[in-house]
Amino acid sequence: MNNMNLAIKVFGRLKELGCIIALDDFGSGLSSFGYLKKLPVDVVKIDGLFVRDIDVNEMDYVMVRSINDLAKQMGKITVAEFVENNDIIDKLVELGVDYGQGYIIGRPKPIQQLADELMAAR
């Protein structure tokens, strides 16, 4: 993010067009907090570094709880990355994280395959 003012302008314009903006890998660097404060984002994606061991590491649990609480205070939607087992899902539900992303939920696939599967499920 070399030009914060330009990013704010572009994100603002995208939001006017109806786009939803996500801040990816939140927590992986101290700049995350500055971005969250300044950028008009709608979604905070909590870095998988904290999520992947939330079921066995109390400090990771506290970090995810803190990030989620902060994002909620700011009116943001939260998404946890690297959700790999049901114990992690249980912890995220307990904390009130909105969404999860990870192999237990779904593996990456080509967009056409995903579209075909969604259409077939209708």
C-alpha atoms as a PDB file:
ATOM      1  CA  MET A   1       0.000   0.000   0.000  1.00  0.00           C
ATOM      2  CA  ASN A   2       2.269   2.748  -1.284  1.00  0.00           C
ATOM      3  CA  ASN A   3      -0.331   5.490  -1.626  1.00  0.00           C
ATOM      4  CA  MET A   4      -2.936   5.505   1.147  1.00  0.00           C
ATOM      5  CA  ASN A   5      -4.807   8.539  -0.210  1.00  0.00           C
ATOM      6  CA  LEU A   6      -5.193   6.923  -3.619  1.00  0.00           C
ATOM      7  CA  ALA A   7      -6.312   3.649  -2.025  1.00  0.00           C
ATOM      8  CA  ILE A   8      -8.952   5.467   0.023  1.00  0.00           C
ATOM      9  CA  LYS A   9     -10.205   7.213  -3.105  1.00  0.00           C
ATOM     10  CA  VAL A  10     -10.331   4.000  -5.164  1.00  0.00           C
ATOM     11  CA  PHE A  11     -11.991   2.032  -2.355  1.00  0.00           C
ATOM     12  CA  GLY A  12     -14.537   4.807  -1.881  1.00  0.00           C
ATOM     13  CA  ARG A  13     -15.392   4.739  -5.579  1.00  0.00           C
ATOM     14  CA  LEU A  14     -15.686   0.948  -5.567  1.00  0.00           C
ATOM     15  CA  LYS A  15     -18.067   1.132  -2.612  1.00  0.00           C
ATOM     16  CA  GLU A  16     -20.183   3.677  -4.516  1.00  0.00           C
ATOM     17  CA  LEU A  17     -20.458   1.058  -7.260  1.00  0.00           C
ATOM     18  CA  GLY A  18     -21.748  -1.460  -4.709  1.00  0.00           C
ATOM     19  CA  CYS A  19     -18.554  -3.395  -4.044  1.00  0.00           C
ATOM     20  CA  ILE A  20     -17.721  -4.790  -0.640  1.00  0.00           C
ATOM     21  CA  ILE A  21     -14.103  -4.282   0.399  1.00  0.00           C
ATOM     22  CA  ALA A  22     -12.200  -6.812   2.531  1.00  0.00           C
ATOM     23  CA  LEU A  23      -8.980  -6.267   4.472  1.00  0.00           C
ATOM     24  CA  ASP A  24      -7.090  -9.549   4.075  1.00  0.00           C
ATOM     25  CA  ASP A  25      -4.654 -11.154   6.553  1.00  0.00           C
ATOM     26  CA  PHE A  26      -5.573  -8.810   9.387  1.00  0.00           C
ATOM     27  CA  GLY A  27      -3.130  -9.042  12.273  1.00  0.00           C
ATOM     28  CA  SER A  28      -0.131 -10.219  10.275  1.00  0.00           C
ATOM     29  CA  GLY A  29       1.561  -6.830  10.703  1.00  0.00           C
ATOM     30  CA  LEU A  30       1.218  -3.696  12.773  1.00  0.00           C
ATOM     31  CA  SER A  31       0.112  -1.800   9.686  1.00  0.00           C
ATOM     32  CA  SER A  32      -3.147  -3.793   9.816  1.00  0.00           C
ATOM     33  CA  PHE A  33      -4.474  -1.460  12.511  1.00  0.00           C
ATOM     34  CA  GLY A  34      -3.605   1.631  10.482  1.00  0.00           C
ATOM     35  CA  TYR A  35      -5.320   0.191   7.425  1.00  0.00           C
ATOM     36  CA  LEU A  36      -8.407  -0.694   9.441  1.00  0.00           C
ATOM     37  CA  LYS A  37      -8.581   2.814  10.843  1.00  0.00           C
ATOM     38  CA  LYS A  38      -8.134   4.621   7.522  1.00  0.00           C
ATOM     39  CA  LEU A  39      -9.537   2.422   4.771  1.00  0.00           C
ATOM     40  CA  PRO A  40     -13.284   2.138   4.120  1.00  0.00           C
ATOM     41  CA  VAL A  41     -13.394  -1.657   4.431  1.00  0.00           C
ATOM     42  CA  ASP A  42     -16.463  -3.753   5.155  1.00  0.00           C
ATOM     43  CA  VAL A  43     -14.856  -7.088   5.973  1.00  0.00           C
ATOM     44  CA  VAL A  44     -11.894  -7.998   8.177  1.00  0.00           C
ATOM     45  CA  LYS A  45     -10.289 -11.334   7.332  1.00  0.00           C
ATOM     46  CA  ILE A  46      -8.483 -12.593  10.432  1.00  0.00           C
ATOM     47  CA  ASP A  47      -5.070 -13.985   9.510  1.00  0.00           C
ATOM     48  CA  GLY A  48      -4.851 -17.780   9.565  1.00  0.00           C
ATOM     49  CA  LEU A  49      -1.667 -17.488  11.632  1.00  0.00           C
ATOM     50  CA  PHE A  50      -3.926 -16.846  14.647  1.00  0.00           C
ATOM     51  CA  VAL A  51      -6.865 -19.020  13.619  1.00  0.00           C
ATOM     52  CA  ARG A  52      -5.199 -22.350  12.805  1.00  0.00           C
ATOM     53  CA  ASP A  53      -4.318 -23.151  16.446  1.00  0.00           C
ATOM     54  CA  ILE A  54      -7.163 -21.339  18.202  1.00  0.00           C
ATOM     55  CA  ASP A  55      -8.446 -24.663  19.529  1.00  0.00           C
ATOM     56  CA  VAL A  56      -5.163 -25.518  21.312  1.00  0.00           C
ATOM     57  CA  ASN A  57      -3.432 -22.185  21.955  1.00  0.00           C
ATOM     58  CA  GLU A  58      -4.952 -19.756  24.459  1.00  0.00           C
ATOM     59  CA  MET A  59      -2.920 -16.791  23.130  1.00  0.00           C
ATOM     60  CA  ASP A  60      -4.269 -17.362  19.612  1.00  0.00           C
ATOM     61  CA  TYR A  61      -7.778 -17.495  21.070  1.00  0.00           C
ATOM     62  CA  VAL A  62      -7.217 -14.159  22.809  1.00  0.00           C
ATOM     63  CA  MET A  63      -5.810 -12.599  19.621  1.00  0.00           C
ATOM     64  CA  VAL A  64      -8.778 -13.733  17.514  1.00  0.00           C
ATOM     65  CA  ARG A  65     -11.193 -12.561  20.191  1.00  0.00           C
ATOM     66  CA  SER A  66      -9.499  -9.150  20.277  1.00  0.00           C
ATOM     67  CA  ILE A  67      -9.453  -8.723  16.504  1.00  0.00           C
ATOM     68  CA  ASN A  68     -13.081  -9.842  16.238  1.00  0.00           C
ATOM     69  CA  ASP A  69     -14.193  -7.518  19.057  1.00  0.00           C
ATOM     70  CA  LEU A  70     -12.377  -4.542  17.499  1.00  0.00           C
ATOM     71  CA  ALA A  71     -13.818  -5.223  14.053  1.00  0.00           C
ATOM     72  CA  LYS A  72     -17.346  -5.604  15.462  1.00  0.00           C
ATOM     73  CA  GLN A  73     -16.994  -2.311  17.377  1.00  0.00           C
ATOM     74  CA  MET A  74     -16.224  -0.694  14.041  1.00  0.00           C
ATOM     75  CA  GLY A  75     -19.233  -2.323  12.349  1.00  0.00           C
ATOM     76  CA  LYS A  76     -17.208  -4.735  10.219  1.00  0.00           C
ATOM     77  CA  ILE A  77     -17.967  -8.304   9.174  1.00  0.00           C
ATOM     78  CA  THR A  78     -15.340 -10.832  10.266  1.00  0.00           C
ATOM     79  CA  VAL A  79     -13.979 -13.843   8.387  1.00  0.00           C
ATOM     80  CA  ALA A  80     -11.532 -16.323   9.913  1.00  0.00           C
ATOM     81  CA  GLU A  81      -8.974 -17.807   7.526  1.00  0.00           C
ATOM     82  CA  PHE A  82      -7.471 -21.303   7.819  1.00  0.00           C
ATOM     83  CA  VAL A  83     -10.471 -23.042   9.410  1.00  0.00           C
ATOM     84  CA  GLU A  84      -9.371 -26.675   9.291  1.00  0.00           C
ATOM     85  CA  ASN A  85     -11.395 -28.632  11.871  1.00  0.00           C
ATOM     86  CA  ASN A  86     -14.625 -28.645  13.864  1.00  0.00           C
ATOM     87  CA  ASP A  87     -12.897 -27.594  17.095  1.00  0.00           C
ATOM     88  CA  ILE A  88     -11.768 -24.395  15.371  1.00  0.00           C
ATOM     89  CA  ILE A  89     -15.309 -23.820  14.107  1.00  0.00           C
ATOM     90  CA  ASP A  90     -16.652 -24.250  17.651  1.00  0.00           C
ATOM     91  CA  LYS A  91     -14.201 -21.644  19.012  1.00  0.00           C
ATOM     92  CA  LEU A  92     -15.053 -19.173  16.234  1.00  0.00           C
ATOM     93  CA  VAL A  93     -18.788 -19.595  16.830  1.00  0.00           C
ATOM     94  CA  GLU A  94     -18.179 -19.059  20.552  1.00  0.00           C
ATOM     95  CA  LEU A  95     -16.412 -15.780  19.743  1.00  0.00           C
ATOM     96  CA  GLY A  96     -19.083 -14.616  17.295  1.00  0.00           C
ATOM     97  CA  VAL A  97     -16.901 -14.565  14.181  1.00  0.00           C
ATOM     98  CA  ASP A  98     -19.233 -14.175  11.200  1.00  0.00           C
ATOM     99  CA  TYR A  99     -17.653 -16.455   8.587  1.00  0.00           C
ATOM    100  CA  GLY A 100     -14.927 -19.027   8.141  1.00  0.00           C
ATOM    101  CA  GLN A 101     -12.704 -19.929   5.247  1.00  0.00           C
ATOM    102  CA  GLY A 102     -10.744 -23.171   5.069  1.00  0.00           C
ATOM    103  CA  TYR A 103     -10.514 -26.713   3.775  1.00  0.00           C
ATOM    104  CA  ILE A 104     -13.091 -28.120   6.200  1.00  0.00           C
ATOM    105  CA  ILE A 105     -15.615 -25.703   4.679  1.00  0.00           C
ATOM    106  CA  GLY A 106     -14.563 -26.061   1.053  1.00  0.00           C
ATOM    107  CA  ARG A 107     -11.481 -26.573  -1.065  1.00  0.00           C
ATOM    108  CA  PRO A 108     -10.446 -24.130  -3.787  1.00  0.00           C
ATOM    109  CA  LYS A 109     -11.855 -24.931  -7.205  1.00  0.00           C
ATOM    110  CA  PRO A 110     -12.117 -23.306 -10.617  1.00  0.00           C
ATOM    111  CA  ILE A 111     -14.840 -20.644 -10.754  1.00  0.00           C
ATOM    112  CA  GLN A 112     -16.693 -22.456 -13.546  1.00  0.00           C
ATOM    113  CA  GLN A 113     -16.895 -25.634 -11.452  1.00  0.00           C
ATOM    114  CA  LEU A 114     -18.197 -23.651  -8.494  1.00  0.00           C
ATOM    115  CA  ALA A 115     -20.782 -21.888 -10.667  1.00  0.00           C
ATOM    116  CA  ASP A 116     -21.940 -25.220 -12.128  1.00  0.00           C
ATOM    117  CA  GLU A 117     -22.284 -26.742  -8.655  1.00  0.00           C
ATOM    118  CA  LEU A 118     -24.244 -23.747  -7.362  1.00  0.00           C
ATOM    119  CA  MET A 119     -26.575 -23.801 -10.365  1.00  0.00           C
ATOM    120  CA  ALA A 120     -27.148 -27.560  -9.995  1.00  0.00           C
ATOM    121  CA  ALA A 121     -28.048 -27.084  -6.321  1.00  0.00           C
ATOM    122  CA  ARG A 122     -30.878 -24.664  -7.165  1.00  0.00           C
END
